[in-house]
Amino acid sequence: MKKTVTVIVLILIVGLFGASIYYLYQKDQEPPVKFTTETPTTETIIKETVATGTIIPREEVPVKPNISGIIDKLFVKAGDTVKAGQLVAQLKVVPNVANLNNAKNQIRTANINLANEKKVYDRQKELYEKGVISANDFDLAQRSYDIAKQNLKAAEDTYEIVKNGTIEGIGDAATTEIKATISGMILDVPVKVGNQVIEANNFNEGTTLATIANTNDMIFEGKIDESEVGKIKEGLPLEITVGALEGVKFDAVLDYIAPQGVEENGAVQFEIEGTLKEREDKVFIRAGLSANASIILEKAEEVVAIKESLVQFDEETKKPYVEVEVGDQKFDRQNIKLGISDGINVEVKDGLSKDDKIKVWNKTKETFSKGRRG
């Protein structure tokens, strides 16, 4: 019995020894682990943040009437270019019947007063010429007569204003001819011939007949998240892309950052504005087009750069380094100094040359199947 157990144990030991030998043999047959390398490249690295918004004119001026009435004629349409003082619309005044009747009654009353004062004046004049009354009494009669004439003229003017909306001699204080107040492009004409319009006054904004803007002075108006607003400042360059103008970019300068944010959908947004620079090719931009603004925080042109994935950091000092190939699959640590990064590439200010081969930490090894295919 003991002899049988001994034989079994010996067989197990021999089997384990043989399996170990076979494993080591197979291990030696596997191809060695290899590391690929990459060399530094020359890149222009831009660190930026993006804001969404629209392209709008810096100023939009509404044209409003200073009298109420009905539009009789329109002389412009959206897209027209006008100059300051050019005729935009002409109004027709529809008088209020009650006001018109009151104005007529005022004229009748003024005529009656004038006739009475003229009689008094003629009588006093005759008495003054005969020396019956003093000059002072005659002056009082003449003054009353002059006032009566002036009251009649005022009543007639009131009637004309109620009837026609204006009178001669008051210039642009009230006119049925509405003119452009600035030079520019007509963006919108929200009214039609026959529409009733209301004058602009202290109690009413009035009806807008047209909106005029200088389309040569456009700005980007957008919003940026609170997580990014601390990174930007006024004066930074912008690169504007407009979805409707494929392949066209506009340079701009950040002019304004709102001092107070507004909560939208659970996130605080800050309004920003940037002035677009004129392009030599004079590309026409329609007001209200959606756009994205890349705010350039930092920019390094034509610098030595590597992929961020190649950079390692010392566990103790946290300083960056890479491993540079010094022989066949032999690498030495090389400390480097980094500059700006765009999230993919990072600038290397010191520590590398363009010919250095940097170790890539993606191990590659040939499998047996590859070996058989090769």
Foldseek 3Di string as FASTA:
>chain_A
DVVVVVVVVVVVVVVVVVVVVVVVVVVVVFFDWFFAWDFWDWFKFFAWDKWWFFKAFPDKDFFFAQAWAFWADADDFAFDWDAAFAWGTFGFHDFDPVQLVVLVVQLVVLVVQLVVLVVVLVVVVVCVVVVNDDPVVNVVSVVSNVVSVVSNVVSVQSNCCRRGVHDPDPPVSHHRTTTHRHTAGWHHQPDDGGDIWHRDDPVDNIDGRTMGGHQVKMKTKTKDFPVCPVLDDFFFKKWKDFPVDPPDIWIWTWHDWAPAWDDDPNTTIIMTMIITDADPVRDGDRGTTMMMIIGGSDIDHGATKDFPQQWDADPPPRFIWFWWDPDRSDTDIWGWDWDDHRNTMTGTPDTHDRPTITTHPPIDTDDVVNVVVD
